[in-house]
Amino acid sequence: MQQFEYKTYTIPLKNGLFSKKQDLETEIIEDEMNLMGKKGWELVTHFTRQKNGFSQYAVLIFKRPLPEIKKVPKK
């Protein structure tokens, strides 16, 4: 049976209209996601975490297959 390993990637988000946090650098995120794809990681899902009605950060969850372990027949 195929098994997987998982990785989470957290991205801080701008916090409202008057936040001092910088806007998301979408090109940087895209470059990182492409690099992860080249390493065999696949985006499975994503969600945001909120506080006081504002999204604080996004969480991306990736998975990739683990190498299959071949079973040695018993003698």
C-alpha atoms as a PDB file:
ATOM      1  CA  MET A   1       0.000   0.000   0.000  1.00  0.00           C
ATOM      2  CA  GLN A   2       1.321   3.456  -0.924  1.00  0.00           C
ATOM      3  CA  GLN A   3       2.349   5.624   2.039  1.00  0.00           C
ATOM      4  CA  PHE A   4       2.908   9.383   2.126  1.00  0.00           C
ATOM      5  CA  GLU A   5       4.799  12.007   4.067  1.00  0.00           C
ATOM      6  CA  TYR A   6       3.298  15.448   4.724  1.00  0.00           C
ATOM      7  CA  LYS A   7       4.648  18.979   5.072  1.00  0.00           C
ATOM      8  CA  THR A   8       2.947  22.217   6.143  1.00  0.00           C
ATOM      9  CA  TYR A   9       3.898  25.657   4.860  1.00  0.00           C
ATOM     10  CA  THR A  10       2.595  28.703   6.773  1.00  0.00           C
ATOM     11  CA  ILE A  11       2.273  32.111   5.096  1.00  0.00           C
ATOM     12  CA  PRO A  12       1.566  35.263   7.159  1.00  0.00           C
ATOM     13  CA  LEU A  13      -1.235  37.373   5.664  1.00  0.00           C
ATOM     14  CA  LYS A  14      -1.896  41.093   5.684  1.00  0.00           C
ATOM     15  CA  ASN A  15      -3.973  41.891   8.768  1.00  0.00           C
ATOM     16  CA  GLY A  16      -6.688  44.329   7.708  1.00  0.00           C
ATOM     17  CA  LEU A  17      -6.540  47.646   5.873  1.00  0.00           C
ATOM     18  CA  PHE A  18      -4.191  49.453   8.246  1.00  0.00           C
ATOM     19  CA  SER A  19      -1.714  46.662   8.862  1.00  0.00           C
ATOM     20  CA  LYS A  20       2.023  47.291   8.872  1.00  0.00           C
ATOM     21  CA  LYS A  21       2.628  43.808   7.450  1.00  0.00           C
ATOM     22  CA  GLN A  22       3.751  43.752   3.831  1.00  0.00           C
ATOM     23  CA  ASP A  23       1.515  42.428   1.085  1.00  0.00           C
ATOM     24  CA  LEU A  24       2.062  38.847   0.002  1.00  0.00           C
ATOM     25  CA  GLU A  25       4.850  38.366  -2.511  1.00  0.00           C
ATOM     26  CA  THR A  26       2.932  36.065  -4.867  1.00  0.00           C
ATOM     27  CA  GLU A  27       5.956  35.465  -7.099  1.00  0.00           C
ATOM     28  CA  ILE A  28       7.988  34.238  -4.116  1.00  0.00           C
ATOM     29  CA  ILE A  29       5.166  31.915  -3.045  1.00  0.00           C
ATOM     30  CA  GLU A  30       4.768  30.623  -6.603  1.00  0.00           C
ATOM     31  CA  ASP A  31       8.527  30.011  -6.908  1.00  0.00           C
ATOM     32  CA  GLU A  32       8.539  28.109  -3.608  1.00  0.00           C
ATOM     33  CA  MET A  33       5.533  26.005  -4.639  1.00  0.00           C
ATOM     34  CA  ASN A  34       7.162  25.194  -8.005  1.00  0.00           C
ATOM     35  CA  LEU A  35      10.351  24.147  -6.206  1.00  0.00           C
ATOM     36  CA  MET A  36       8.345  21.897  -3.877  1.00  0.00           C
ATOM     37  CA  GLY A  37       6.582  20.381  -6.918  1.00  0.00           C
ATOM     38  CA  LYS A  38       9.964  19.598  -8.496  1.00  0.00           C
ATOM     39  CA  LYS A  39      10.897  17.805  -5.271  1.00  0.00           C
ATOM     40  CA  GLY A  40       7.778  15.627  -5.540  1.00  0.00           C
ATOM     41  CA  TRP A  41       5.478  17.546  -3.157  1.00  0.00           C
ATOM     42  CA  GLU A  42       1.821  17.966  -4.184  1.00  0.00           C
ATOM     43  CA  LEU A  43      -0.517  20.577  -2.674  1.00  0.00           C
ATOM     44  CA  VAL A  44      -3.335  18.662  -0.971  1.00  0.00           C
ATOM     45  CA  THR A  45      -5.316  21.444   0.705  1.00  0.00           C
ATOM     46  CA  HIS A  46      -5.080  24.894   2.220  1.00  0.00           C
ATOM     47  CA  PHE A  47      -6.928  26.947   4.812  1.00  0.00           C
ATOM     48  CA  THR A  48      -6.635  30.239   6.670  1.00  0.00           C
ATOM     49  CA  ARG A  49      -6.583  30.862  10.405  1.00  0.00           C
ATOM     50  CA  GLN A  50      -8.563  33.848  11.645  1.00  0.00           C
ATOM     51  CA  LYS A  51      -8.515  36.085  14.686  1.00  0.00           C
ATOM     52  CA  ASN A  52     -11.082  38.830  15.335  1.00  0.00           C
ATOM     53  CA  GLY A  53     -12.577  38.278  11.878  1.00  0.00           C
ATOM     54  CA  PHE A  54      -9.292  38.745   9.981  1.00  0.00           C
ATOM     55  CA  SER A  55      -7.195  36.050   8.351  1.00  0.00           C
ATOM     56  CA  GLN A  56      -3.855  35.892  10.146  1.00  0.00           C
ATOM     57  CA  TYR A  57      -2.076  33.322   8.019  1.00  0.00           C
ATOM     58  CA  ALA A  58      -2.605  30.673   5.369  1.00  0.00           C
ATOM     59  CA  VAL A  59      -1.586  27.069   5.862  1.00  0.00           C
ATOM     60  CA  LEU A  60      -0.703  24.945   2.838  1.00  0.00           C
ATOM     61  CA  ILE A  61      -0.489  21.182   3.266  1.00  0.00           C
ATOM     62  CA  PHE A  62       1.611  19.147   0.849  1.00  0.00           C
ATOM     63  CA  LYS A  63       2.188  15.412   0.478  1.00  0.00           C
ATOM     64  CA  ARG A  64       4.536  13.172  -1.466  1.00  0.00           C
ATOM     65  CA  PRO A  65       4.809   9.427  -1.760  1.00  0.00           C
ATOM     66  CA  LEU A  66       7.320   7.569   0.367  1.00  0.00           C
ATOM     67  CA  PRO A  67       9.460   5.063  -1.500  1.00  0.00           C
ATOM     68  CA  GLU A  68       7.819   1.660  -1.388  1.00  0.00           C
ATOM     69  CA  ILE A  69       9.629  -0.872   0.766  1.00  0.00           C
ATOM     70  CA  LYS A  70       9.853  -4.197  -0.986  1.00  0.00           C
ATOM     71  CA  LYS A  71       9.112  -7.098   1.295  1.00  0.00           C
ATOM     72  CA  VAL A  72      11.595  -9.943   1.296  1.00  0.00           C
ATOM     73  CA  PRO A  73       9.807 -13.300   1.119  1.00  0.00           C
ATOM     74  CA  LYS A  74      10.172 -15.444   4.221  1.00  0.00           C
ATOM     75  CA  LYS A  75      12.095 -18.697   3.785  1.00  0.00           C
END
